[in-house]
């Protein structure tokens, strides 16, 4: 049972909005483009696993995608968490191409592609950290303790995995996506008895969903291009005309063009917007028009008068 579908990562949405409004000659463009490609590749691999897990038809197997929990000042972001009465299973999903050498003793993996070697943090070490944090989180929330296992799933069909045959941890914890379902079944079969009752499992799942927090992303401090972008010619030149938005260069109208501008603001600038912020970012002069647009978006408002702040619903 899927309790939480995987959303498009905010990293992708942020990078897309940033590239769209970044000044053309900004030195940050290559860095943001690289970050976007990496995020899209990761999301693509995660979606492959999601499609595979969607065929699990079991009422007492709960699947939570893209779970982020805060423990103190630390955030842990679990690609997928599978909960059963027997165990909790963390899936760390990697979509990496090339020849992958897994060296847990050095806390890293090495990727060789076109003769170039690149090192990445060990996903096994990441999972061990998540396991500790999840165990502590369950204890803190006074929830039943479950055995916690983890698997590292490689999804790229062109990757070639290698490790020492004597490294039993890699052999048992790292696998290709094609072997994921049989491995999950194997783990379930080796669990001789359940640790928690169905009622406790539901309570744990609800608490995990309730405590989920968006994973904080690092944002660049940039003087972004302001205004409302034309959905046709992509110029930031739309002006208010006859209860709609007119693009002077191409002549197209769009009544909803401001909606994407508001989305860009929340992605790039912050979680709250005022009437003044809206006028500045959308490049409009009328406080009355700004108020009308803000109220039309069904945002959550707080405060009063010129101090009113608006935020997006969760």
C-alpha atoms as a PDB file:
ATOM      1  CA  UNK A   1       0.000   0.000   0.000  1.00  0.00           C
ATOM      2  CA  UNK A   2       1.501   3.318  -1.098  1.00  0.00           C
ATOM      3  CA  UNK A   3       1.044   5.858   1.703  1.00  0.00           C
ATOM      4  CA  UNK A   4       3.036   8.642   0.079  1.00  0.00           C
ATOM      5  CA  UNK A   5       3.654   9.072  -3.615  1.00  0.00           C
ATOM      6  CA  UNK A   6       6.960  10.548  -4.717  1.00  0.00           C
ATOM      7  CA  UNK A   7       6.648  14.221  -5.654  1.00  0.00           C
ATOM      8  CA  UNK A   8       8.864  15.935  -8.182  1.00  0.00           C
ATOM      9  CA  UNK A   9      11.871  16.912  -6.024  1.00  0.00           C
ATOM     10  CA  UNK A  10      11.993  20.570  -5.036  1.00  0.00           C
ATOM     11  CA  UNK A  11      15.623  20.586  -6.182  1.00  0.00           C
ATOM     12  CA  UNK A  12      14.405  20.063  -9.753  1.00  0.00           C
ATOM     13  CA  UNK A  13      11.707  22.723  -9.476  1.00  0.00           C
ATOM     14  CA  UNK A  14      14.131  25.187  -7.879  1.00  0.00           C
ATOM     15  CA  UNK A  15      16.855  24.657 -10.477  1.00  0.00           C
ATOM     16  CA  UNK A  16      14.354  24.965 -13.337  1.00  0.00           C
ATOM     17  CA  UNK A  17      12.995  28.224 -11.927  1.00  0.00           C
ATOM     18  CA  UNK A  18      16.518  29.519 -11.280  1.00  0.00           C
ATOM     19  CA  UNK A  19      17.700  28.802 -14.837  1.00  0.00           C
ATOM     20  CA  UNK A  20      14.603  30.446 -16.247  1.00  0.00           C
ATOM     21  CA  UNK A  21      15.166  33.685 -14.321  1.00  0.00           C
ATOM     22  CA  UNK A  22      18.962  33.689 -14.172  1.00  0.00           C
ATOM     23  CA  UNK A  23      20.666  36.568 -16.018  1.00  0.00           C
ATOM     24  CA  UNK A  24      21.997  35.152 -19.322  1.00  0.00           C
ATOM     25  CA  UNK A  25      25.669  35.788 -18.538  1.00  0.00           C
ATOM     26  CA  UNK A  26      25.581  34.563 -14.925  1.00  0.00           C
ATOM     27  CA  UNK A  27      28.590  32.483 -13.864  1.00  0.00           C
ATOM     28  CA  UNK A  28      26.207  30.249 -11.901  1.00  0.00           C
ATOM     29  CA  UNK A  29      24.480  28.830 -14.987  1.00  0.00           C
ATOM     30  CA  UNK A  30      26.848  25.836 -15.546  1.00  0.00           C
ATOM     31  CA  UNK A  31      26.668  24.920 -11.851  1.00  0.00           C
ATOM     32  CA  UNK A  32      22.865  25.040 -11.763  1.00  0.00           C
ATOM     33  CA  UNK A  33      22.575  23.119 -15.047  1.00  0.00           C
ATOM     34  CA  UNK A  34      24.817  20.381 -13.622  1.00  0.00           C
ATOM     35  CA  UNK A  35      22.758  20.248 -10.424  1.00  0.00           C
ATOM     36  CA  UNK A  36      19.550  19.964 -12.460  1.00  0.00           C
ATOM     37  CA  UNK A  37      20.890  17.091 -14.570  1.00  0.00           C
ATOM     38  CA  UNK A  38      21.967  15.228 -11.439  1.00  0.00           C
ATOM     39  CA  UNK A  39      18.597  15.758  -9.751  1.00  0.00           C
ATOM     40  CA  UNK A  40      16.682  14.604 -12.829  1.00  0.00           C
ATOM     41  CA  UNK A  41      18.824  11.479 -13.103  1.00  0.00           C
ATOM     42  CA  UNK A  42      18.227  10.642  -9.450  1.00  0.00           C
ATOM     43  CA  UNK A  43      14.480  11.214  -9.780  1.00  0.00           C
ATOM     44  CA  UNK A  44      14.338   9.028 -12.896  1.00  0.00           C
ATOM     45  CA  UNK A  45      15.980   6.150 -11.036  1.00  0.00           C
ATOM     46  CA  UNK A  46      13.661   6.566  -8.062  1.00  0.00           C
ATOM     47  CA  UNK A  47      10.609   6.477 -10.345  1.00  0.00           C
ATOM     48  CA  UNK A  48      11.797   3.154 -11.792  1.00  0.00           C
ATOM     49  CA  UNK A  49      11.800   1.693  -8.294  1.00  0.00           C
ATOM     50  CA  UNK A  50       8.387   3.245  -7.573  1.00  0.00           C
ATOM     51  CA  UNK A  51       6.861   1.528 -10.604  1.00  0.00           C
ATOM     52  CA  UNK A  52       8.321  -1.789  -9.505  1.00  0.00           C
ATOM     53  CA  UNK A  53       7.060  -1.479  -5.936  1.00  0.00           C
ATOM     54  CA  UNK A  54       3.577  -0.487  -7.105  1.00  0.00           C
ATOM     55  CA  UNK A  55       2.848  -4.120  -7.950  1.00  0.00           C
ATOM     56  CA  UNK A  56       3.205  -5.177  -4.299  1.00  0.00           C
ATOM     57  CA  UNK A  57      -0.373  -5.987  -3.322  1.00  0.00           C
ATOM     58  CA  UNK A  58      -0.327  -6.355   0.430  1.00  0.00           C
ATOM     59  CA  UNK A  59      -2.510  -4.465   2.891  1.00  0.00           C
ATOM     60  CA  UNK A  60       0.035  -4.865   5.689  1.00  0.00           C
ATOM     61  CA  UNK A  61       2.975  -3.513   3.678  1.00  0.00           C
ATOM     62  CA  UNK A  62       3.191   0.267   3.842  1.00  0.00           C
ATOM     63  CA  UNK A  63       5.404   2.167   1.400  1.00  0.00           C
ATOM     64  CA  UNK A  64       6.468   5.771   1.955  1.00  0.00           C
ATOM     65  CA  UNK A  65       8.424   7.483  -0.811  1.00  0.00           C
ATOM     66  CA  UNK A  66      10.739  10.453  -0.266  1.00  0.00           C
ATOM     67  CA  UNK A  67      10.516  10.602   3.527  1.00  0.00           C
ATOM     68  CA  UNK A  68      12.405  13.347   5.338  1.00  0.00           C
ATOM     69  CA  UNK A  69      12.619  13.397   9.130  1.00  0.00           C
ATOM     70  CA  UNK A  70      14.250  15.950  11.376  1.00  0.00           C
ATOM     71  CA  UNK A  71      16.196  14.784  14.408  1.00  0.00           C
ATOM     72  CA  UNK A  72      17.566  17.800  16.223  1.00  0.00           C
ATOM     73  CA  UNK A  73      19.397  19.911  13.653  1.00  0.00           C
ATOM     74  CA  UNK A  74      19.867  16.905  11.353  1.00  0.00           C
ATOM     75  CA  UNK A  75      17.635  15.921   8.449  1.00  0.00           C
ATOM     76  CA  UNK A  76      17.551  12.400   7.058  1.00  0.00           C
ATOM     77  CA  UNK A  77      16.096  11.892   3.603  1.00  0.00           C
ATOM     78  CA  UNK A  78      15.072   8.310   2.891  1.00  0.00           C
ATOM     79  CA  UNK A  79      14.389   7.532  -0.775  1.00  0.00           C
ATOM     80  CA  UNK A  80      11.843   4.841   0.115  1.00  0.00           C
ATOM     81  CA  UNK A  81      10.801   3.297   3.430  1.00  0.00           C
ATOM     82  CA  UNK A  82       8.909   0.003   3.479  1.00  0.00           C
ATOM     83  CA  UNK A  83       7.123  -0.828   6.729  1.00  0.00           C
ATOM     84  CA  UNK A  84       5.794  -4.243   7.706  1.00  0.00           C
ATOM     85  CA  UNK A  85       4.984  -6.017  10.966  1.00  0.00           C
ATOM     86  CA  UNK A  86       8.315  -7.795  10.622  1.00  0.00           C
ATOM     87  CA  UNK A  87      10.763  -5.030   9.781  1.00  0.00           C
ATOM     88  CA  UNK A  88      11.390  -1.571   8.379  1.00  0.00           C
ATOM     89  CA  UNK A  89      13.332  -1.536   5.122  1.00  0.00           C
ATOM     90  CA  UNK A  90      15.270   1.517   3.913  1.00  0.00           C
ATOM     91  CA  UNK A  91      15.930   1.743   0.177  1.00  0.00           C
ATOM     92  CA  UNK A  92      18.760   3.962  -1.039  1.00  0.00           C
ATOM     93  CA  UNK A  93      18.362   4.363  -4.807  1.00  0.00           C
ATOM     94  CA  UNK A  94      21.261   5.178  -7.131  1.00  0.00           C
ATOM     95  CA  UNK A  95      21.054   5.947 -10.843  1.00  0.00           C
ATOM     96  CA  UNK A  96      24.737   6.027 -11.797  1.00  0.00           C
ATOM     97  CA  UNK A  97      26.166   4.902 -15.119  1.00  0.00           C
ATOM     98  CA  UNK A  98      29.612   3.465 -15.852  1.00  0.00           C
ATOM     99  CA  UNK A  99      31.737   0.956 -13.985  1.00  0.00           C
ATOM    100  CA  UNK A 100      30.965   1.151 -10.271  1.00  0.00           C
ATOM    101  CA  UNK A 101      33.477  -0.173  -7.762  1.00  0.00           C
ATOM    102  CA  UNK A 102      32.056  -0.413  -4.261  1.00  0.00           C
ATOM    103  CA  UNK A 103      34.636   0.034  -1.496  1.00  0.00           C
ATOM    104  CA  UNK A 104      32.845   0.329   1.866  1.00  0.00           C
ATOM    105  CA  UNK A 105      36.132   0.072   3.757  1.00  0.00           C
ATOM    106  CA  UNK A 106      37.060   3.473   2.334  1.00  0.00           C
ATOM    107  CA  UNK A 107      33.564   4.915   2.707  1.00  0.00           C
ATOM    108  CA  UNK A 108      33.132   5.550  -0.998  1.00  0.00           C
ATOM    109  CA  UNK A 109      32.243   4.183  -4.393  1.00  0.00           C
ATOM    110  CA  UNK A 110      34.253   4.832  -7.549  1.00  0.00           C
ATOM    111  CA  UNK A 111      32.668   5.442 -10.923  1.00  0.00           C
ATOM    112  CA  UNK A 112      34.777   5.040 -14.081  1.00  0.00           C
ATOM    113  CA  UNK A 113      33.335   6.341 -17.326  1.00  0.00           C
ATOM    114  CA  UNK A 114      35.292   7.269 -20.464  1.00  0.00           C
ATOM    115  CA  UNK A 115      38.494   6.749 -18.510  1.00  0.00           C
ATOM    116  CA  UNK A 116      37.597   9.334 -15.864  1.00  0.00           C
ATOM    117  CA  UNK A 117      37.319   8.197 -12.228  1.00  0.00           C
ATOM    118  CA  UNK A 118      34.901   9.965  -9.888  1.00  0.00           C
ATOM    119  CA  UNK A 119      34.382   9.197  -6.194  1.00  0.00           C
ATOM    120  CA  UNK A 120      30.970   9.303  -4.478  1.00  0.00           C
ATOM    121  CA  UNK A 121      30.056   8.888  -0.796  1.00  0.00           C
ATOM    122  CA  UNK A 122      29.320   5.295   0.166  1.00  0.00           C
ATOM    123  CA  UNK A 123      25.563   4.588   0.024  1.00  0.00           C
ATOM    124  CA  UNK A 124      26.134   1.811   2.564  1.00  0.00           C
ATOM    125  CA  UNK A 125      27.521   4.347   5.031  1.00  0.00           C
ATOM    126  CA  UNK A 126      24.556   6.618   4.275  1.00  0.00           C
ATOM    127  CA  UNK A 127      22.096   3.826   5.027  1.00  0.00           C
ATOM    128  CA  UNK A 128      23.817   2.972   8.300  1.00  0.00           C
ATOM    129  CA  UNK A 129      23.458   6.607   9.341  1.00  0.00           C
ATOM    130  CA  UNK A 130      19.778   6.614   8.366  1.00  0.00           C
ATOM    131  CA  UNK A 131      19.270   3.400  10.310  1.00  0.00           C
ATOM    132  CA  UNK A 132      20.672   4.942  13.492  1.00  0.00           C
ATOM    133  CA  UNK A 133      18.634   8.122  13.093  1.00  0.00           C
ATOM    134  CA  UNK A 134      15.418   6.217  12.353  1.00  0.00           C
ATOM    135  CA  UNK A 135      15.914   3.996  15.385  1.00  0.00           C
ATOM    136  CA  UNK A 136      16.463   7.052  17.599  1.00  0.00           C
ATOM    137  CA  UNK A 137      13.469   8.809  16.054  1.00  0.00           C
ATOM    138  CA  UNK A 138      11.162   5.858  16.798  1.00  0.00           C
ATOM    139  CA  UNK A 139      12.401   5.820  20.382  1.00  0.00           C
ATOM    140  CA  UNK A 140      11.928   9.562  20.754  1.00  0.00           C
ATOM    141  CA  UNK A 141       8.366   9.331  19.472  1.00  0.00           C
ATOM    142  CA  UNK A 142       7.670   6.410  21.825  1.00  0.00           C
ATOM    143  CA  UNK A 143       6.826   4.158  18.892  1.00  0.00           C
ATOM    144  CA  UNK A 144       7.393   0.402  18.773  1.00  0.00           C
ATOM    145  CA  UNK A 145      10.897  -0.709  17.913  1.00  0.00           C
ATOM    146  CA  UNK A 146      11.283  -2.602  14.644  1.00  0.00           C
ATOM    147  CA  UNK A 147      14.264  -4.378  13.125  1.00  0.00           C
ATOM    148  CA  UNK A 148      15.645  -1.973  10.519  1.00  0.00           C
ATOM    149  CA  UNK A 149      17.271  -3.295   7.345  1.00  0.00           C
ATOM    150  CA  UNK A 150      18.533  -1.483   4.277  1.00  0.00           C
ATOM    151  CA  UNK A 151      19.262  -2.134   0.621  1.00  0.00           C
ATOM    152  CA  UNK A 152      21.176  -0.074  -1.937  1.00  0.00           C
ATOM    153  CA  UNK A 153      19.450  -0.316  -5.316  1.00  0.00           C
ATOM    154  CA  UNK A 154      21.253   0.563  -8.554  1.00  0.00           C
ATOM    155  CA  UNK A 155      18.797   1.369 -11.346  1.00  0.00           C
ATOM    156  CA  UNK A 156      20.919   2.373 -14.342  1.00  0.00           C
ATOM    157  CA  UNK A 157      20.844  -0.473 -16.912  1.00  0.00           C
ATOM    158  CA  UNK A 158      24.288   0.453 -18.266  1.00  0.00           C
ATOM    159  CA  UNK A 159      26.128   0.399 -14.934  1.00  0.00           C
ATOM    160  CA  UNK A 160      28.533  -2.449 -14.159  1.00  0.00           C
ATOM    161  CA  UNK A 161      28.899  -3.208 -10.447  1.00  0.00           C
ATOM    162  CA  UNK A 162      31.983  -4.718  -8.884  1.00  0.00           C
ATOM    163  CA  UNK A 163      33.233  -5.396  -5.359  1.00  0.00           C
ATOM    164  CA  UNK A 164      35.420  -7.831  -3.520  1.00  0.00           C
ATOM    165  CA  UNK A 165      33.701 -11.249  -3.434  1.00  0.00           C
ATOM    166  CA  UNK A 166      34.787 -11.515   0.189  1.00  0.00           C
ATOM    167  CA  UNK A 167      32.826  -8.405   1.153  1.00  0.00           C
ATOM    168  CA  UNK A 168      29.661 -10.092   2.383  1.00  0.00           C
ATOM    169  CA  UNK A 169      28.026  -6.792   3.314  1.00  0.00           C
ATOM    170  CA  UNK A 170      28.119  -5.568  -0.280  1.00  0.00           C
ATOM    171  CA  UNK A 171      26.911  -8.951  -1.541  1.00  0.00           C
ATOM    172  CA  UNK A 172      23.888  -8.868   0.767  1.00  0.00           C
ATOM    173  CA  UNK A 173      23.075  -5.148   0.743  1.00  0.00           C
ATOM    174  CA  UNK A 174      23.773  -3.944  -2.805  1.00  0.00           C
ATOM    175  CA  UNK A 175      21.759  -5.102  -5.810  1.00  0.00           C
ATOM    176  CA  UNK A 176      20.405  -4.146  -9.184  1.00  0.00           C
ATOM    177  CA  UNK A 177      16.777  -3.138  -9.560  1.00  0.00           C
ATOM    178  CA  UNK A 178      15.938  -6.415 -11.327  1.00  0.00           C
ATOM    179  CA  UNK A 179      16.662  -8.299  -8.103  1.00  0.00           C
ATOM    180  CA  UNK A 180      14.802  -5.977  -5.740  1.00  0.00           C
ATOM    181  CA  UNK A 181      11.453  -7.770  -5.422  1.00  0.00           C
ATOM    182  CA  UNK A 182      12.996 -11.227  -4.864  1.00  0.00           C
ATOM    183  CA  UNK A 183      15.320  -9.704  -2.252  1.00  0.00           C
ATOM    184  CA  UNK A 184      12.418  -8.068  -0.409  1.00  0.00           C
ATOM    185  CA  UNK A 185      10.583 -11.385  -0.416  1.00  0.00           C
ATOM    186  CA  UNK A 186      13.699 -13.108   0.895  1.00  0.00           C
ATOM    187  CA  UNK A 187      13.928 -10.651   3.791  1.00  0.00           C
ATOM    188  CA  UNK A 188      10.274 -11.232   4.648  1.00  0.00           C
ATOM    189  CA  UNK A 189      10.695 -14.999   4.540  1.00  0.00           C
ATOM    190  CA  UNK A 190      13.633 -14.904   6.938  1.00  0.00           C
ATOM    191  CA  UNK A 191      11.548 -12.985   9.493  1.00  0.00           C
ATOM    192  CA  UNK A 192      10.020 -15.745  11.568  1.00  0.00           C
ATOM    193  CA  UNK A 193       7.654 -13.661  13.672  1.00  0.00           C
ATOM    194  CA  UNK A 194       6.128 -10.210  13.600  1.00  0.00           C
ATOM    195  CA  UNK A 195       7.380  -7.568  16.016  1.00  0.00           C
ATOM    196  CA  UNK A 196       4.398  -5.215  16.108  1.00  0.00           C
ATOM    197  CA  UNK A 197       0.658  -5.546  15.623  1.00  0.00           C
ATOM    198  CA  UNK A 198      -1.261  -4.079  12.717  1.00  0.00           C
ATOM    199  CA  UNK A 199      -2.635  -1.282  14.903  1.00  0.00           C
ATOM    200  CA  UNK A 200       0.882  -0.246  15.957  1.00  0.00           C
ATOM    201  CA  UNK A 201       2.053  -0.416  12.347  1.00  0.00           C
ATOM    202  CA  UNK A 202      -0.688   1.992  11.284  1.00  0.00           C
ATOM    203  CA  UNK A 203       0.133   4.343  14.154  1.00  0.00           C
ATOM    204  CA  UNK A 204       3.825   4.345  13.241  1.00  0.00           C
ATOM    205  CA  UNK A 205       3.016   5.039   9.592  1.00  0.00           C
ATOM    206  CA  UNK A 206       0.705   7.933  10.449  1.00  0.00           C
ATOM    207  CA  UNK A 207       3.318   9.477  12.710  1.00  0.00           C
ATOM    208  CA  UNK A 208       5.995   9.197  10.022  1.00  0.00           C
ATOM    209  CA  UNK A 209       3.743  10.981   7.531  1.00  0.00           C
ATOM    210  CA  UNK A 210       2.814  13.645  10.063  1.00  0.00           C
ATOM    211  CA  UNK A 211       6.450  14.355  10.935  1.00  0.00           C
ATOM    212  CA  UNK A 212       7.661  14.494   7.330  1.00  0.00           C
ATOM    213  CA  UNK A 213       9.414  17.769   6.576  1.00  0.00           C
ATOM    214  CA  UNK A 214      10.601  19.220   3.247  1.00  0.00           C
ATOM    215  CA  UNK A 215      14.328  18.680   2.880  1.00  0.00           C
ATOM    216  CA  UNK A 216      16.081  22.072   3.014  1.00  0.00           C
ATOM    217  CA  UNK A 217      17.980  22.980  -0.124  1.00  0.00           C
ATOM    218  CA  UNK A 218      20.811  25.445  -0.554  1.00  0.00           C
ATOM    219  CA  UNK A 219      19.644  28.481  -2.499  1.00  0.00           C
ATOM    220  CA  UNK A 220      21.770  30.955  -4.410  1.00  0.00           C
ATOM    221  CA  UNK A 221      21.648  34.670  -3.655  1.00  0.00           C
ATOM    222  CA  UNK A 222      21.007  36.061  -7.124  1.00  0.00           C
ATOM    223  CA  UNK A 223      19.355  39.127  -8.641  1.00  0.00           C
ATOM    224  CA  UNK A 224      16.871  37.107 -10.668  1.00  0.00           C
ATOM    225  CA  UNK A 225      14.981  38.444 -13.668  1.00  0.00           C
ATOM    226  CA  UNK A 226      11.645  39.798 -12.468  1.00  0.00           C
ATOM    227  CA  UNK A 227       8.308  40.025 -14.209  1.00  0.00           C
ATOM    228  CA  UNK A 228       5.783  37.612 -15.690  1.00  0.00           C
ATOM    229  CA  UNK A 229       7.072  35.273 -18.366  1.00  0.00           C
ATOM    230  CA  UNK A 230       5.137  34.729 -21.572  1.00  0.00           C
ATOM    231  CA  UNK A 231       4.258  31.044 -21.912  1.00  0.00           C
ATOM    232  CA  UNK A 232       4.621  31.331 -25.690  1.00  0.00           C
ATOM    233  CA  UNK A 233       7.779  33.325 -26.476  1.00  0.00           C
ATOM    234  CA  UNK A 234       9.334  33.059 -22.967  1.00  0.00           C
ATOM    235  CA  UNK A 235      10.036  36.795 -22.712  1.00  0.00           C
ATOM    236  CA  UNK A 236       9.474  38.483 -19.320  1.00  0.00           C
ATOM    237  CA  UNK A 237       7.365  41.201 -20.843  1.00  0.00           C
ATOM    238  CA  UNK A 238       3.721  40.554 -19.956  1.00  0.00           C
ATOM    239  CA  UNK A 239       1.572  43.489 -18.857  1.00  0.00           C
ATOM    240  CA  UNK A 240      -1.971  43.660 -17.489  1.00  0.00           C
ATOM    241  CA  UNK A 241      -4.544  44.207 -20.226  1.00  0.00           C
ATOM    242  CA  UNK A 242      -8.306  43.621 -20.159  1.00  0.00           C
ATOM    243  CA  UNK A 243      -8.278  41.354 -17.063  1.00  0.00           C
ATOM    244  CA  UNK A 244      -5.551  39.259 -18.663  1.00  0.00           C
ATOM    245  CA  UNK A 245      -1.832  39.400 -19.420  1.00  0.00           C
ATOM    246  CA  UNK A 246      -0.591  40.625 -22.777  1.00  0.00           C
ATOM    247  CA  UNK A 247       2.851  39.899 -24.179  1.00  0.00           C
ATOM    248  CA  UNK A 248       3.929  42.918 -26.236  1.00  0.00           C
ATOM    249  CA  UNK A 249       6.585  41.117 -28.336  1.00  0.00           C
ATOM    250  CA  UNK A 250       4.393  38.239 -29.566  1.00  0.00           C
ATOM    251  CA  UNK A 251       0.871  39.539 -28.890  1.00  0.00           C
ATOM    252  CA  UNK A 252      -0.366  36.510 -26.963  1.00  0.00           C
ATOM    253  CA  UNK A 253      -2.790  36.685 -24.016  1.00  0.00           C
ATOM    254  CA  UNK A 254      -2.759  34.473 -20.918  1.00  0.00           C
ATOM    255  CA  UNK A 255      -5.114  34.979 -17.959  1.00  0.00           C
ATOM    256  CA  UNK A 256      -3.087  32.638 -15.751  1.00  0.00           C
ATOM    257  CA  UNK A 257       0.443  33.794 -16.503  1.00  0.00           C
ATOM    258  CA  UNK A 258       0.855  35.215 -12.979  1.00  0.00           C
ATOM    259  CA  UNK A 259       0.409  31.781 -11.411  1.00  0.00           C
ATOM    260  CA  UNK A 260       3.805  30.518 -12.553  1.00  0.00           C
ATOM    261  CA  UNK A 261       5.409  33.762 -11.409  1.00  0.00           C
ATOM    262  CA  UNK A 262       4.082  33.170  -7.894  1.00  0.00           C
ATOM    263  CA  UNK A 263       5.406  29.591  -7.990  1.00  0.00           C
ATOM    264  CA  UNK A 264       8.804  30.917  -9.044  1.00  0.00           C
ATOM    265  CA  UNK A 265       8.787  33.373  -6.156  1.00  0.00           C
ATOM    266  CA  UNK A 266       8.159  30.700  -3.530  1.00  0.00           C
ATOM    267  CA  UNK A 267      10.815  28.447  -5.030  1.00  0.00           C
ATOM    268  CA  UNK A 268      13.484  31.129  -5.358  1.00  0.00           C
ATOM    269  CA  UNK A 269      12.796  33.766  -2.733  1.00  0.00           C
ATOM    270  CA  UNK A 270      11.122  32.208   0.300  1.00  0.00           C
ATOM    271  CA  UNK A 271       7.977  30.720   1.858  1.00  0.00           C
ATOM    272  CA  UNK A 272       6.106  34.021   2.365  1.00  0.00           C
ATOM    273  CA  UNK A 273       5.145  36.922   0.123  1.00  0.00           C
ATOM    274  CA  UNK A 274       3.653  40.347   0.857  1.00  0.00           C
ATOM    275  CA  UNK A 275       1.785  42.766  -1.378  1.00  0.00           C
ATOM    276  CA  UNK A 276       4.998  44.749  -1.800  1.00  0.00           C
ATOM    277  CA  UNK A 277       6.965  41.581  -2.659  1.00  0.00           C
ATOM    278  CA  UNK A 278       4.348  40.601  -5.239  1.00  0.00           C
ATOM    279  CA  UNK A 279       4.455  44.003  -6.938  1.00  0.00           C
ATOM    280  CA  UNK A 280       8.234  43.941  -7.040  1.00  0.00           C
ATOM    281  CA  UNK A 281       8.578  40.384  -8.350  1.00  0.00           C
ATOM    282  CA  UNK A 282       5.710  40.514 -10.844  1.00  0.00           C
ATOM    283  CA  UNK A 283       6.696  44.062 -11.880  1.00  0.00           C
ATOM    284  CA  UNK A 284       3.262  45.605 -11.371  1.00  0.00           C
ATOM    285  CA  UNK A 285       2.574  49.011  -9.783  1.00  0.00           C
ATOM    286  CA  UNK A 286      -0.963  48.643  -8.433  1.00  0.00           C
ATOM    287  CA  UNK A 287      -1.345  47.474  -4.783  1.00  0.00           C
ATOM    288  CA  UNK A 288      -5.023  46.735  -5.547  1.00  0.00           C
ATOM    289  CA  UNK A 289      -4.119  44.443  -8.451  1.00  0.00           C
ATOM    290  CA  UNK A 290      -1.484  42.704  -6.348  1.00  0.00           C
ATOM    291  CA  UNK A 291      -4.025  42.116  -3.589  1.00  0.00           C
ATOM    292  CA  UNK A 292      -6.545  40.764  -6.079  1.00  0.00           C
ATOM    293  CA  UNK A 293      -3.999  38.336  -7.544  1.00  0.00           C
ATOM    294  CA  UNK A 294      -2.806  37.167  -4.126  1.00  0.00           C
ATOM    295  CA  UNK A 295      -6.346  36.468  -2.940  1.00  0.00           C
ATOM    296  CA  UNK A 296      -7.215  34.710  -6.208  1.00  0.00           C
ATOM    297  CA  UNK A 297      -4.451  32.155  -5.530  1.00  0.00           C
ATOM    298  CA  UNK A 298      -6.106  30.807  -2.354  1.00  0.00           C
ATOM    299  CA  UNK A 299      -2.909  31.342  -0.373  1.00  0.00           C
ATOM    300  CA  UNK A 300      -2.881  31.138   3.417  1.00  0.00           C
ATOM    301  CA  UNK A 301      -2.757  34.645   4.880  1.00  0.00           C
ATOM    302  CA  UNK A 302      -1.510  35.890   8.238  1.00  0.00           C
ATOM    303  CA  UNK A 303      -1.319  39.364   9.718  1.00  0.00           C
ATOM    304  CA  UNK A 304      -3.296  42.398   8.591  1.00  0.00           C
ATOM    305  CA  UNK A 305      -2.969  45.538   6.540  1.00  0.00           C
ATOM    306  CA  UNK A 306       0.345  46.163   4.789  1.00  0.00           C
ATOM    307  CA  UNK A 307       1.918  43.516   7.032  1.00  0.00           C
ATOM    308  CA  UNK A 308      -0.227  40.704   5.608  1.00  0.00           C
ATOM    309  CA  UNK A 309       1.878  37.743   4.505  1.00  0.00           C
ATOM    310  CA  UNK A 310       0.768  34.988   2.153  1.00  0.00           C
ATOM    311  CA  UNK A 311       2.078  31.422   1.912  1.00  0.00           C
ATOM    312  CA  UNK A 312       1.280  28.349  -0.136  1.00  0.00           C
ATOM    313  CA  UNK A 313      -0.878  25.581   1.365  1.00  0.00           C
ATOM    314  CA  UNK A 314       1.077  22.444   2.255  1.00  0.00           C
END
